[in-house]
Structure formats: structure tokens, C-alpha cells
Amino acid sequence: MTTDKEVSGRAVERFTGRSLVGLGAVAGGGVVFGVLLMLVRFHWAPLQHADREAAEWFNGLVSPRPMLVDALRVVTDLGGRPIMIWLVVVAVLGLLIRRQPRLAVYLLVTDAGALILDPTLKALVGRLRPVVDVPVAHAPGNSFPSGHALDSLVMYGALLLVFLPALPRRWRRPVIGLLTALVAAIGLTRIALGVHFVSDVLGGWALGLAWLGVTAYAFRLWRREQGERVRPLREGLEPEAADEIVLAPDHQGPLPRLWLTVAELVVGWVLVFGALYLFGRYVSFHTDGTFLDAWDTAVPKWFEARRTPTWDEVSWWWSKAGDTHAITIVSLVACPLALAAWRRWKPVLFIVLAIMGELGLFLASAAVVGRPRPEVTHLDGKLPTSSFPSGHIAATICLYAAICVLVMGRVDRWWRWLTVALVVIMPVGVATSRMYRGMHHPTDFMGAILLGTLWIGTLYFVLCPNEKAPTAEKAPAAEKVPAADAGPAQPSGAAPDGVDRRPAGSAPAPVGAAEPN
């Protein structure tokens, strides 16, 4: 019989073996980084020559091809600070919503360490960036190590370790391969764009691997100190949390009646577009001499007469709150948080369709209505779209109205009323700033209200975003229920339906007794 001491000894042996492999990888990354650091710091001539040759070769390959440069910039941005901060903040908030504070702390510590190591080492080494014949990109600061290479490896590696248990096993290797290729591609773009030497990127990768290994090892020690079993890293950091961190266990998907829903949305979109077209043509070209015409003329001039440098600055910020960048940023935060809080794809789809549908309605109606902008000085210059409807205001209405609909239908806390306040305050603030800056008529604001109301209403009645999730099928799970949890055992001779059909007067057989032949 195996004793408790032997079992404990085997567990310690397995943990020690896994730890030695992990420590070997960490030490390897640290050694590679240390060697590169010394070679760069002491200006080793062969390394400098190889770095310059590679930089010149890549510059000759990339600089004559503008489309290739644009593609490289898109890939390199995936390893930049804005993407890194967005992913980490959203992941941490999602983990806290799912009540996984330990994983949230791990992500924060790991990525904060990368953010600290990068500028610190660059300042200590002081290596200048490459100088090429035809610069195609520019980057501030020093060169060694590559911050994009370091940050991307740490960020995507940490996210992979955290969320790996939530992935089906058949998808784990493809996802690992995809993220590895992405980290490699980000590093290569830094070399190809001429903002880093090859040794900078290799140093960033080596340092990132070492730091990721250190934090993962520390997390495993944390688990062990709390008496929890330490699993191999190929299973993720917290395999027991798989059910809690899975994105959305929808069994029927967000749209069970896909084609019918698509048809209803298309018909609704066309009807909303028709209403916008009729209203836009009317207020643009058929209101001469009416109070609407007088209003559209007087209000922009009233704002123009009261402009000051201070209000110009305030209106610029309010106007930015409704532009494409701000709407995109808020959406990229709201969608993951909705997914984390409600574990369903339909709320996410509701927000995405609200924004995408609004964009299509705005562009189509602006093109066919073709309304001139107010006859005042335009503080934002000449824009490519016409005045009706206001895209800034319509996007603000659709985004915050979609969030409000979801929160009011799913949350019973007092703070849900804050979303109602946002639905009023944000569009009014953006509308006031747009009229102050001479970019829109008051009836353009009315058109944005019409667009937002009709489109959000259409989405609400077609998608039903707040309906309860369908009940998952229980039959497959029942097959996996252990005998101890399967309820009381049926007496021998009982039918599957639980009815005892033994002859009258016979005693029930003891549990586990053999049945007579």
C-alpha cells in the first residue's frame, strides 16, 4: 500500500522536475539577454557590423514599397503600448468580475514589470536607434532592448497562461502557434521599419522570456504555499478556473435563428434609412420660411458670436468624445466587460451592431441628402461628409443607449441609473460642441436622435438582448456524474423508472448483493 509520505514525495519530485525545466528556460533567457547586453554595452565590433548590415538590407527591401510599409505598421501596432494597456486592463477587469483576483494580480504584476524594465534598461544602455538611408518610421527613446519585442512576448504569453484552461484542447496548439507567430512578426517589423537592430529584438525576446518565466514560477510557488496542486504549465496557471474564465458558454450561439434575424435586421435598417432620407431632404431643402429654417440659421450664428479661446478648447474636447476614436475605445472596453459580466455573446453583438449599423446609416444618409454645413466659420475645417445627420451625435446616442439598455435590463443596483444620465449628458454635450464649432444645424441633431432611436429600437425588438440564456442540456453531463453524487441507489429488482416490481413479500436485496440467476 502506498503511504501518504510516498505520495507526498512523488508530488515533490514532480514539482521539482517541472521547476527545474522552467528555471532552465528562465536561466537560458537571462543568459542570452546578459550576453547581448554586454556585447551591446561594450560596442563589440562584429555585432555592430552585423546589425548595420541587416538594417541596411531591410531598408532597401522595404522603403520602395509603401504598401508593405503600411502593412508592417499595422502588425507592429499589435505590440505597442496602447494595445498592451487595453488588453491588460480589459482582462484584469474581466477576471475581477469573474472573481479570479489571483489571476488578475498575476497579469498586473507581469505586465507592469515589462513596462518598468523596458525604459529602465534603455536608459542604462543608451544605445541609439539605427540610421538608414530612407527612413520609413520613427520611434522615440533609445534602442536596446526592443520594447515591442519585450512587451508583446510578455503580454501575449501572460494572457495565454491565464486563459489557456478555457480553450478546448484541440484549439490549444493552434492558438499557441498563432501567438508565437504574432510575437515573431512584431519583432521582425521593428527591424524592417528601421527602428531597431536585430540584437535589440533578440534582447527583448530573451528578457521577455526570462521575466515571463520568473512570474509564472512565482505563481506556481504561490499555489503550492496555499496547499494547491501544481499543474504543468501546458494546462495553464489555474486549470481549476476553466469554467469561470471561459468567455461565453452559450449552447445555442447568440443567434439561434440566424437567417431570419439577418433578414429582419436588413429590413429594419432599410426602413430607418428611408425615414432618415425623408426627414433629411425635408429639413434641408423644404423648410424655407419656417421656424425650422430660422432656427437652423440663428443657432449656429448665436454660438459663433460667443466664441472664446476657453470655450473653443472645451468644445474641442466634447467634440472628440463623439468621434470615431472615442467611440471605438469605449466600445472596446464595454464589449469585453459585457461578456465577462453576463457570459453571453448577444449583449456584445447588440453593442457591435448598434455602432456598425449607425455608421452605415450615417454614411448612406449623408451621401444621399447632401446638406451643406452652416454658413459660419467651421472650427474643424472642411469635412468630407455633409451636414445631415451628425455622425458624432448619432454614434454617441447609439453607443450609450445600447449600454443603457443592457445595464437597465440586467442590473438592479443603484448605479445603473448612471447609464441613463450618460445617455442624456453625452449626446447633449457632443451636440452643443458640434453646433458651437459651426459644424451642424440643430435639425442635424434631430436627425441623429431619429437615427439613434429607430436603430436601437430595431435592434432591441429583433435581438431581444436581455432575454434569459437558454438552459443548457443536462443529458451529457449526467453521464459524468460520479456514483456518489447520483442520488440514492435503487433497490435490486427496481425498474429504471424507480418502481419496485419485485414479488410481493420479498425482502429488498442489500446494496451490492448479486442478483439471482
Protein backbone atom coordinates (compact mmCIF):
# COMPACT_ATOMS: atom_id res chain seq x y z
CA MET A 1 0.00 0.00 0.00
CA THR A 2 1.26 3.45 -0.90
CA THR A 3 1.77 5.63 2.16
CA ASP A 4 0.98 9.34 2.42
CA LYS A 5 4.72 10.01 2.71
CA GLU A 6 5.40 8.26 -0.61
CA VAL A 7 2.60 10.18 -2.36
CA SER A 8 3.93 13.44 -0.97
CA GLY A 9 7.43 12.51 -2.07
CA ARG A 10 6.27 11.83 -5.63
CA ALA A 11 4.42 15.15 -5.75
CA VAL A 12 7.53 16.97 -4.58
CA GLU A 13 9.61 15.09 -7.16
CA ARG A 14 7.22 16.03 -9.98
CA PHE A 15 7.15 19.65 -8.85
CA THR A 16 10.93 19.76 -8.62
CA GLY A 17 11.33 18.29 -12.10
CA ARG A 18 8.92 20.76 -13.65
CA SER A 19 10.51 23.62 -11.73
CA LEU A 20 14.00 22.70 -12.96
CA VAL A 21 12.80 22.75 -16.57
CA GLY A 22 11.14 26.12 -16.03
CA LEU A 23 14.17 27.51 -14.25
CA GLY A 24 16.34 26.26 -17.11
CA ALA A 25 14.25 28.22 -19.63
CA VAL A 26 14.35 31.30 -17.40
CA ALA A 27 18.09 30.99 -16.94
CA GLY A 28 18.59 30.50 -20.67
CA GLY A 29 16.65 33.66 -21.49
CA GLY A 30 18.53 35.56 -18.83
CA VAL A 31 21.91 34.37 -20.06
CA VAL A 32 21.13 35.28 -23.68
CA PHE A 33 19.96 38.72 -22.61
CA GLY A 34 23.00 39.22 -20.39
CA VAL A 35 25.42 38.29 -23.18
CA LEU A 36 23.68 40.59 -25.66
CA LEU A 37 23.63 43.37 -23.08
CA MET A 38 27.39 43.15 -22.53
CA LEU A 39 28.14 42.95 -26.26
CA VAL A 40 25.98 45.99 -26.98
CA ARG A 41 27.25 47.95 -23.99
CA PHE A 42 30.90 47.40 -24.92
CA HIS A 43 30.30 48.01 -28.65
CA TRP A 44 31.52 44.63 -29.89
CA ALA A 45 32.50 45.32 -33.50
CA PRO A 46 31.24 42.08 -35.16
CA LEU A 47 27.79 42.54 -33.62
CA GLN A 48 27.63 46.19 -34.63
CA HIS A 49 28.62 45.32 -38.18
CA ALA A 50 26.02 42.58 -38.46
CA ASP A 51 23.31 44.87 -37.05
CA ARG A 52 24.10 47.65 -39.53
CA GLU A 53 24.18 45.25 -42.47
CA ALA A 54 20.78 43.83 -41.54
CA ALA A 55 19.31 47.32 -41.07
CA GLU A 56 20.53 48.48 -44.49
CA TRP A 57 19.27 45.31 -46.19
CA PHE A 58 15.79 45.60 -44.70
CA ASN A 59 15.65 49.33 -45.51
CA GLY A 60 16.50 48.64 -49.15
CA LEU A 61 13.78 45.98 -49.26
CA VAL A 62 11.01 47.96 -47.54
CA SER A 63 11.48 51.64 -48.43
CA PRO A 64 10.47 51.38 -52.14
CA ARG A 65 7.18 49.62 -51.22
CA PRO A 66 4.70 51.95 -49.46
CA MET A 67 2.00 49.26 -49.18
CA LEU A 68 4.45 46.95 -47.43
CA VAL A 69 5.35 49.77 -45.03
CA ASP A 70 1.65 50.27 -44.19
CA ALA A 71 1.21 46.53 -43.57
CA LEU A 72 4.28 46.46 -41.30
CA ARG A 73 2.91 49.39 -39.30
CA VAL A 74 -0.37 47.58 -38.74
CA VAL A 75 1.43 44.50 -37.42
CA THR A 76 3.86 46.47 -35.27
CA ASP A 77 0.97 48.34 -33.60
CA LEU A 78 -0.25 45.00 -32.21
CA GLY A 79 2.76 45.06 -29.90
CA GLY A 80 2.51 48.73 -28.94
CA ARG A 81 1.66 50.23 -25.57
CA PRO A 82 -1.97 51.22 -26.42
CA ILE A 83 -2.89 47.65 -27.40
CA MET A 84 -0.99 46.21 -24.44
CA ILE A 85 -2.67 48.51 -21.92
CA TRP A 86 -6.12 47.88 -23.42
CA LEU A 87 -5.73 44.09 -23.34
CA VAL A 88 -4.37 44.03 -19.81
CA VAL A 89 -6.95 46.45 -18.37
CA VAL A 90 -9.86 44.62 -20.01
CA ALA A 91 -8.51 41.21 -18.96
CA VAL A 92 -7.92 42.31 -15.37
CA LEU A 93 -11.38 43.84 -15.06
CA GLY A 94 -12.91 40.72 -16.60
CA LEU A 95 -11.06 38.46 -14.18
CA LEU A 96 -12.19 40.57 -11.23
CA ILE A 97 -15.78 40.38 -12.47
CA ARG A 98 -15.39 36.60 -12.72
CA ARG A 99 -13.92 36.60 -9.18
CA GLN A 100 -10.43 35.47 -10.08
CA PRO A 101 -8.32 38.04 -8.18
CA ARG A 102 -5.18 35.88 -8.12
CA LEU A 103 -5.02 35.71 -11.90
CA ALA A 104 -5.74 39.44 -12.10
CA VAL A 105 -2.81 40.16 -9.77
CA TYR A 106 -0.57 37.93 -11.87
CA LEU A 107 -1.44 39.83 -15.06
CA LEU A 108 -0.92 43.21 -13.40
CA VAL A 109 2.44 42.30 -11.90
CA THR A 110 3.75 40.59 -15.02
CA ASP A 111 2.83 43.36 -17.44
CA ALA A 112 3.76 46.17 -15.04
CA GLY A 113 7.20 44.58 -14.73
CA ALA A 114 7.64 44.64 -18.51
CA LEU A 115 6.58 48.29 -18.61
CA ILE A 116 9.21 49.12 -15.97
CA LEU A 117 12.05 47.02 -17.40
CA ASP A 118 11.87 48.47 -20.92
CA PRO A 119 12.54 52.18 -20.28
CA THR A 120 14.88 51.45 -17.39
CA LEU A 121 17.23 49.26 -19.43
CA LYS A 122 17.07 51.58 -22.42
CA ALA A 123 18.19 54.45 -20.24
CA LEU A 124 21.02 52.38 -18.70
CA VAL A 125 22.33 51.06 -22.03
CA GLY A 126 21.83 54.28 -24.02
CA ARG A 127 22.07 52.71 -27.46
CA LEU A 128 21.00 54.95 -30.36
CA ARG A 129 18.49 53.74 -32.92
CA PRO A 130 19.55 52.71 -36.46
CA VAL A 131 20.29 55.37 -39.05
CA VAL A 132 19.17 54.26 -42.55
CA ASP A 133 19.22 55.88 -45.96
CA VAL A 134 15.44 56.16 -46.39
CA PRO A 135 13.66 56.34 -43.01
CA VAL A 136 10.12 54.92 -43.15
CA ALA A 137 9.27 55.10 -39.45
CA HIS A 138 10.36 56.94 -36.34
CA ALA A 139 10.37 55.99 -32.66
CA PRO A 140 11.34 57.97 -29.55
CA GLY A 141 13.94 56.96 -26.99
CA ASN A 142 16.85 54.55 -27.13
CA SER A 143 17.11 51.26 -28.95
CA PHE A 144 18.17 48.34 -26.69
CA PRO A 145 16.16 46.28 -25.87
CA SER A 146 13.15 46.43 -28.18
CA GLY A 147 10.12 47.42 -26.14
CA HIS A 148 7.70 45.97 -28.70
CA ALA A 149 9.50 42.61 -28.64
CA LEU A 150 9.62 42.55 -24.84
CA ASP A 151 6.06 43.78 -24.27
CA SER A 152 4.43 41.56 -26.90
CA LEU A 153 6.09 38.38 -25.63
CA VAL A 154 5.21 39.13 -22.01
CA MET A 155 1.68 40.35 -22.74
CA TYR A 156 0.56 37.60 -25.09
CA GLY A 157 2.42 34.98 -23.08
CA ALA A 158 0.78 36.01 -19.81
CA LEU A 159 -2.67 36.13 -21.41
CA LEU A 160 -2.08 32.68 -22.87
CA LEU A 161 -1.09 31.21 -19.49
CA VAL A 162 -4.15 32.75 -17.84
CA PHE A 163 -6.78 31.80 -20.42
CA LEU A 164 -5.33 28.53 -21.71
CA PRO A 165 -7.59 26.39 -19.45
CA ALA A 166 -10.67 27.95 -21.06
CA LEU A 167 -9.62 26.81 -24.55
CA PRO A 168 -10.76 23.41 -25.87
CA ARG A 169 -7.78 21.08 -26.06
CA ARG A 170 -7.98 20.80 -29.84
CA TRP A 171 -7.51 24.58 -30.11
CA ARG A 172 -4.60 24.99 -27.72
CA ARG A 173 -1.75 24.15 -30.08
CA PRO A 174 -3.11 26.30 -32.94
CA VAL A 175 -3.57 29.25 -30.57
CA ILE A 176 -0.06 28.83 -29.15
CA GLY A 177 1.33 28.67 -32.69
CA LEU A 178 -0.63 31.75 -33.75
CA LEU A 179 0.55 33.83 -30.80
CA THR A 180 4.13 32.69 -31.30
CA ALA A 181 3.97 33.74 -34.95
CA LEU A 182 2.44 37.08 -33.95
CA VAL A 183 5.21 37.83 -31.43
CA ALA A 184 7.83 36.87 -34.04
CA ALA A 185 6.15 39.05 -36.67
CA ILE A 186 6.02 42.05 -34.33
CA GLY A 187 9.74 41.75 -33.64
CA LEU A 188 10.57 41.45 -37.33
CA THR A 189 8.53 44.55 -38.18
CA ARG A 190 10.66 46.59 -35.78
CA ILE A 191 13.75 45.55 -37.73
CA ALA A 192 12.12 46.02 -41.14
CA LEU A 193 10.86 49.52 -40.25
CA GLY A 194 14.39 50.54 -39.30
CA VAL A 195 13.66 51.46 -35.66
CA HIS A 196 15.60 48.57 -34.07
CA PHE A 197 18.66 46.43 -34.70
CA VAL A 198 18.41 42.66 -34.81
CA SER A 199 20.18 42.40 -31.45
CA ASP A 200 17.61 44.79 -29.91
CA VAL A 201 14.78 42.45 -30.86
CA LEU A 202 16.65 39.32 -29.73
CA GLY A 203 17.40 41.02 -26.42
CA GLY A 204 13.74 41.96 -25.98
CA TRP A 205 12.63 38.40 -26.63
CA ALA A 206 15.23 36.94 -24.25
CA LEU A 207 14.37 39.37 -21.48
CA GLY A 208 10.65 38.82 -22.01
CA LEU A 209 11.04 35.04 -21.82
CA ALA A 210 13.06 35.33 -18.62
CA TRP A 211 10.59 37.70 -16.97
CA LEU A 212 7.58 35.63 -18.02
CA GLY A 213 9.25 32.53 -16.61
CA VAL A 214 10.05 34.23 -13.30
CA THR A 215 6.47 35.42 -12.78
CA ALA A 216 4.99 32.04 -13.80
CA TYR A 217 7.32 30.24 -11.38
CA ALA A 218 6.38 32.67 -8.61
CA PHE A 219 2.70 31.99 -9.28
CA ARG A 220 3.27 28.24 -9.04
CA LEU A 221 5.03 28.74 -5.69
CA TRP A 222 2.07 30.84 -4.57
CA ARG A 223 -0.28 27.97 -5.36
CA ARG A 224 1.96 25.48 -3.59
CA GLU A 225 2.15 27.61 -0.45
CA GLN A 226 -1.65 27.63 -0.33
CA GLY A 227 -1.74 23.84 -0.49
CA GLU A 228 -2.97 23.59 -4.07
CA ARG A 229 -1.77 21.09 -6.63
CA VAL A 230 0.81 22.47 -9.08
CA ARG A 231 -0.07 21.52 -12.65
CA PRO A 232 2.18 21.60 -15.73
CA LEU A 233 2.25 24.97 -17.46
CA ARG A 234 0.79 23.38 -20.60
CA GLU A 235 -2.50 23.28 -18.66
CA GLY A 236 -2.34 26.98 -17.76
CA LEU A 237 -1.86 28.72 -14.45
CA GLU A 238 -5.25 27.89 -12.91
CA PRO A 239 -6.76 24.81 -14.61
CA GLU A 240 -9.47 24.68 -11.92
CA ALA A 241 -10.77 28.08 -13.07
CA ALA A 242 -11.59 26.91 -16.60
CA ASP A 243 -15.36 27.13 -16.08
CA GLU A 244 -15.06 30.62 -14.61
CA ILE A 245 -12.87 32.18 -17.30
CA VAL A 246 -14.47 30.63 -20.38
CA LEU A 247 -15.70 33.53 -22.48
CA ALA A 248 -19.35 32.61 -23.06
CA PRO A 249 -20.80 29.11 -22.64
CA ASP A 250 -23.74 29.79 -24.99
CA HIS A 251 -25.06 26.43 -26.15
CA GLN A 252 -27.17 27.81 -28.99
CA GLY A 253 -24.98 30.72 -30.01
CA PRO A 254 -26.04 34.39 -29.97
CA LEU A 255 -28.48 33.99 -32.90
CA PRO A 256 -30.36 30.66 -32.96
CA ARG A 257 -32.49 31.85 -35.93
CA LEU A 258 -29.59 33.31 -37.87
CA TRP A 259 -31.04 33.91 -41.34
CA LEU A 260 -34.40 35.12 -40.07
CA THR A 261 -32.65 37.56 -37.73
CA VAL A 262 -30.39 38.82 -40.52
CA ALA A 263 -33.42 39.38 -42.78
CA GLU A 264 -35.24 41.29 -40.03
CA LEU A 265 -32.19 43.48 -39.38
CA VAL A 266 -31.75 44.26 -43.09
CA VAL A 267 -35.42 45.22 -43.45
CA GLY A 268 -35.22 47.34 -40.30
CA TRP A 269 -32.06 49.08 -41.50
CA VAL A 270 -33.69 49.94 -44.84
CA LEU A 271 -36.78 51.35 -43.11
CA VAL A 272 -34.65 53.50 -40.79
CA PHE A 273 -32.66 54.73 -43.78
CA GLY A 274 -35.89 55.65 -45.56
CA ALA A 275 -37.09 57.67 -42.56
CA LEU A 276 -33.75 59.49 -42.37
CA TYR A 277 -33.80 60.24 -46.09
CA LEU A 278 -37.30 61.73 -45.96
CA PHE A 279 -36.62 63.80 -42.84
CA GLY A 280 -33.20 64.91 -44.10
CA ARG A 281 -34.45 66.06 -47.50
CA TYR A 282 -37.32 67.90 -45.85
CA VAL A 283 -35.27 69.90 -43.31
CA SER A 284 -32.51 70.54 -45.87
CA PHE A 285 -34.48 71.82 -48.84
CA HIS A 286 -38.18 72.28 -47.99
CA THR A 287 -38.33 74.42 -44.84
CA ASP A 288 -37.75 77.89 -46.29
CA GLY A 289 -39.58 80.50 -44.26
CA THR A 290 -40.49 78.11 -41.45
CA PHE A 291 -39.38 78.16 -37.82
CA LEU A 292 -37.02 75.27 -38.59
CA ASP A 293 -35.22 77.34 -41.21
CA ALA A 294 -34.96 80.31 -38.84
CA TRP A 295 -33.72 78.02 -36.06
CA ASP A 296 -31.07 76.38 -38.27
CA THR A 297 -29.79 79.82 -39.28
CA ALA A 298 -29.91 81.58 -35.92
CA VAL A 299 -28.43 78.96 -33.58
CA PRO A 300 -25.02 78.50 -35.34
CA LYS A 301 -24.64 82.28 -35.62
CA TRP A 302 -25.54 82.71 -31.96
CA PHE A 303 -22.80 80.27 -30.98
CA GLU A 304 -20.32 81.91 -33.39
CA ALA A 305 -20.86 85.31 -31.79
CA ARG A 306 -20.00 83.92 -28.35
CA ARG A 307 -16.83 82.00 -29.10
CA THR A 308 -13.85 82.42 -26.78
CA PRO A 309 -10.48 80.59 -26.65
CA THR A 310 -11.57 78.78 -23.48
CA TRP A 311 -14.85 77.56 -24.94
CA ASP A 312 -13.07 76.65 -28.16
CA GLU A 313 -10.87 74.29 -26.15
CA VAL A 314 -13.79 72.87 -24.14
CA SER A 315 -15.86 72.30 -27.27
CA TRP A 316 -12.94 70.54 -28.94
CA TRP A 317 -12.74 68.01 -26.11
CA TRP A 318 -16.51 67.47 -26.08
CA SER A 319 -16.46 67.00 -29.83
CA LYS A 320 -13.67 64.42 -29.51
CA ALA A 321 -15.88 62.44 -27.13
CA GLY A 322 -18.11 61.60 -30.09
CA ASP A 323 -15.51 60.97 -32.80
CA THR A 324 -14.52 57.59 -34.20
CA HIS A 325 -11.57 57.09 -31.86
CA ALA A 326 -13.52 57.75 -28.66
CA ILE A 327 -16.49 55.63 -29.74
CA THR A 328 -14.15 52.79 -30.68
CA ILE A 329 -12.28 52.96 -27.37
CA VAL A 330 -15.47 52.92 -25.28
CA SER A 331 -16.82 50.03 -27.37
CA LEU A 332 -13.62 48.04 -26.97
CA VAL A 333 -13.96 48.37 -23.21
CA ALA A 334 -17.74 47.89 -22.98
CA CYS A 335 -17.90 44.72 -25.12
CA PRO A 336 -15.38 42.62 -23.13
CA LEU A 337 -16.84 43.78 -19.84
CA ALA A 338 -20.34 42.84 -21.01
CA LEU A 339 -19.02 39.43 -22.00
CA ALA A 340 -17.30 39.00 -18.63
CA ALA A 341 -20.33 40.09 -16.63
CA TRP A 342 -23.10 38.25 -18.47
CA ARG A 343 -21.27 35.34 -20.16
CA ARG A 344 -23.25 35.72 -23.37
CA TRP A 345 -22.40 36.91 -26.86
CA LYS A 346 -25.75 38.57 -27.53
CA PRO A 347 -25.04 41.74 -25.46
CA VAL A 348 -21.72 42.10 -27.29
CA LEU A 349 -23.47 41.63 -30.64
CA PHE A 350 -26.04 44.25 -29.61
CA ILE A 351 -23.34 46.87 -28.99
CA VAL A 352 -21.38 45.99 -32.14
CA LEU A 353 -24.44 46.14 -34.38
CA ALA A 354 -25.53 49.41 -32.77
CA ILE A 355 -22.23 51.04 -33.78
CA MET A 356 -21.80 49.39 -37.18
CA GLY A 357 -25.42 49.97 -38.17
CA GLU A 358 -25.19 53.61 -37.12
CA LEU A 359 -22.06 54.07 -39.20
CA GLY A 360 -23.74 52.65 -42.28
CA LEU A 361 -26.88 54.74 -41.78
CA PHE A 362 -24.87 57.91 -41.26
CA LEU A 363 -22.69 57.45 -44.34
CA ALA A 364 -25.61 56.45 -46.59
CA SER A 365 -27.96 59.24 -45.49
CA ALA A 366 -25.21 61.89 -45.57
CA ALA A 367 -24.37 60.85 -49.14
CA VAL A 368 -27.94 60.95 -50.48
CA VAL A 369 -29.17 64.01 -48.54
CA GLY A 370 -26.11 66.15 -49.29
CA ARG A 371 -26.92 69.00 -46.92
CA PRO A 372 -24.47 71.95 -46.77
CA ARG A 373 -23.00 72.84 -43.41
CA PRO A 374 -23.99 76.07 -41.61
CA GLU A 375 -22.81 79.34 -43.14
CA VAL A 376 -20.43 80.21 -40.30
CA THR A 377 -16.75 79.67 -39.65
CA HIS A 378 -16.04 75.96 -39.25
CA LEU A 379 -13.57 75.40 -36.42
CA ASP A 380 -12.91 71.81 -37.58
CA GLY A 381 -12.20 72.79 -41.18
CA LYS A 382 -13.75 71.17 -44.23
CA LEU A 383 -15.03 67.63 -43.66
CA PRO A 384 -15.69 65.04 -46.38
CA THR A 385 -19.28 64.30 -45.32
CA SER A 386 -22.36 66.51 -45.48
CA SER A 387 -24.11 68.07 -42.51
CA PHE A 388 -27.14 65.76 -42.08
CA PRO A 389 -27.23 63.82 -39.84
CA SER A 390 -24.48 64.43 -37.29
CA GLY A 391 -22.30 61.34 -37.16
CA HIS A 392 -20.71 62.36 -33.87
CA ILE A 393 -24.05 62.76 -32.14
CA ALA A 394 -25.63 59.67 -33.69
CA ALA A 395 -22.70 57.45 -32.71
CA THR A 396 -22.78 58.80 -29.16
CA ILE A 397 -26.52 58.18 -28.87
CA CYS A 398 -26.31 54.63 -30.23
CA LEU A 399 -23.35 53.60 -28.08
CA TYR A 400 -24.56 54.91 -24.74
CA ALA A 401 -28.17 53.95 -25.43
CA ALA A 402 -27.07 50.36 -26.17
CA ILE A 403 -25.09 50.23 -22.92
CA CYS A 404 -28.03 51.71 -21.01
CA VAL A 405 -30.49 49.18 -22.44
CA LEU A 406 -28.25 46.29 -21.36
CA VAL A 407 -27.49 47.62 -17.90
CA MET A 408 -31.07 48.63 -17.07
CA GLY A 409 -32.35 45.25 -18.18
CA ARG A 410 -29.75 43.16 -16.35
CA VAL A 411 -28.63 45.09 -13.25
CA ASP A 412 -30.68 46.04 -10.18
CA ARG A 413 -28.06 48.18 -8.42
CA TRP A 414 -28.44 51.91 -7.89
CA TRP A 415 -25.56 52.77 -10.23
CA ARG A 416 -27.47 51.55 -13.27
CA TRP A 417 -29.13 54.97 -13.36
CA LEU A 418 -25.74 56.47 -14.20
CA THR A 419 -26.11 54.93 -17.67
CA VAL A 420 -29.38 56.83 -18.09
CA ALA A 421 -27.57 60.03 -17.18
CA LEU A 422 -24.88 59.24 -19.75
CA VAL A 423 -27.50 58.75 -22.47
CA VAL A 424 -28.62 62.34 -21.84
CA ILE A 425 -25.38 64.11 -20.91
CA MET A 426 -23.06 62.71 -23.59
CA PRO A 427 -25.23 63.39 -26.68
CA VAL A 428 -26.24 66.85 -25.41
CA GLY A 429 -22.62 67.76 -24.72
CA VAL A 430 -21.44 66.49 -28.11
CA ALA A 431 -24.36 68.21 -29.91
CA THR A 432 -23.67 71.53 -28.21
CA SER A 433 -19.98 71.36 -29.10
CA ARG A 434 -20.72 70.48 -32.74
CA MET A 435 -23.10 73.41 -33.14
CA TYR A 436 -20.72 75.72 -31.28
CA ARG A 437 -17.95 74.79 -33.69
CA GLY A 438 -20.19 75.58 -36.66
CA MET A 439 -20.33 72.02 -37.97
CA HIS A 440 -24.06 71.24 -37.66
CA HIS A 441 -27.57 72.69 -37.68
CA PRO A 442 -29.99 71.97 -34.83
CA THR A 443 -32.06 69.78 -37.16
CA ASP A 444 -28.94 67.68 -37.79
CA PHE A 445 -29.11 66.94 -34.07
CA MET A 446 -32.76 65.99 -34.52
CA GLY A 447 -31.75 63.68 -37.35
CA ALA A 448 -29.19 61.99 -35.09
CA ILE A 449 -31.88 61.48 -32.42
CA LEU A 450 -34.17 59.96 -35.06
CA LEU A 451 -31.39 57.65 -36.26
CA GLY A 452 -30.41 56.50 -32.78
CA THR A 453 -33.97 55.97 -31.57
CA LEU A 454 -35.14 53.99 -34.59
CA TRP A 455 -31.99 51.87 -34.94
CA ILE A 456 -31.65 50.98 -31.24
CA GLY A 457 -35.37 50.20 -31.16
CA THR A 458 -35.00 47.93 -34.18
CA LEU A 459 -32.08 46.08 -32.61
CA TYR A 460 -33.92 45.71 -29.32
CA PHE A 461 -37.01 44.13 -30.81
CA VAL A 462 -35.09 41.89 -33.23
CA LEU A 463 -32.26 40.70 -30.97
CA CYS A 464 -34.02 40.78 -27.56
CA PRO A 465 -30.60 41.39 -25.92
CA ASN A 466 -31.86 40.99 -22.35
CA GLU A 467 -33.69 37.70 -22.68
CA LYS A 468 -32.53 34.93 -20.36
CA ALA A 469 -29.92 32.47 -21.57
CA PRO A 470 -31.30 29.10 -22.74
CA THR A 471 -30.95 26.26 -20.27
CA ALA A 472 -28.02 24.01 -21.12
CA GLU A 473 -28.69 20.37 -21.95
CA LYS A 474 -28.21 18.17 -18.89
CA ALA A 475 -28.11 14.74 -20.51
CA PRO A 476 -24.40 14.68 -21.44
CA ALA A 477 -23.41 15.95 -18.01
CA ALA A 478 -25.46 13.23 -16.31
CA GLU A 479 -23.25 10.57 -17.80
CA LYS A 480 -20.27 12.02 -15.96
CA VAL A 481 -21.86 12.27 -12.51
CA PRO A 482 -19.94 10.09 -10.03
CA ALA A 483 -21.83 7.30 -8.34
CA ALA A 484 -21.57 9.05 -5.01
CA ASP A 485 -23.42 12.08 -6.45
CA ALA A 486 -26.01 10.17 -8.46
CA GLY A 487 -28.56 10.03 -5.63
CA PRO A 488 -29.72 7.05 -3.58
CA ALA A 489 -29.28 3.64 -5.14
CA GLN A 490 -32.38 1.84 -6.40
CA PRO A 491 -33.19 -1.41 -4.69
CA SER A 492 -32.43 -4.59 -6.56
CA GLY A 493 -35.29 -5.52 -8.82
CA ALA A 494 -36.47 -1.96 -9.31
CA ALA A 495 -37.20 -0.82 -12.84
CA PRO A 496 -35.32 2.14 -14.38
CA ASP A 497 -38.29 4.38 -13.58
CA GLY A 498 -37.79 3.66 -9.88
CA VAL A 499 -40.91 1.48 -9.44
CA ASP A 500 -40.25 -1.69 -7.40
CA ARG A 501 -41.57 -4.69 -9.33
CA ARG A 502 -40.24 -7.49 -7.08
CA PRO A 503 -42.69 -10.18 -5.97
CA ALA A 504 -44.79 -9.20 -3.01
CA GLY A 505 -43.32 -10.12 0.35
CA SER A 506 -39.77 -10.47 -0.86
CA ALA A 507 -37.12 -8.61 1.08
CA PRO A 508 -35.04 -5.99 -0.67
CA ALA A 509 -31.60 -7.19 -1.58
CA PRO A 510 -28.74 -5.44 0.21
CA VAL A 511 -26.83 -2.89 -1.77
CA GLY A 512 -24.06 -4.56 -3.71
CA ALA A 513 -25.52 -8.09 -3.41
CA ALA A 514 -25.51 -10.26 -6.50
CA GLU A 515 -28.75 -10.84 -8.32
CA PRO A 516 -30.01 -14.46 -8.53
CA ASN A 517 -29.54 -16.21 -11.84
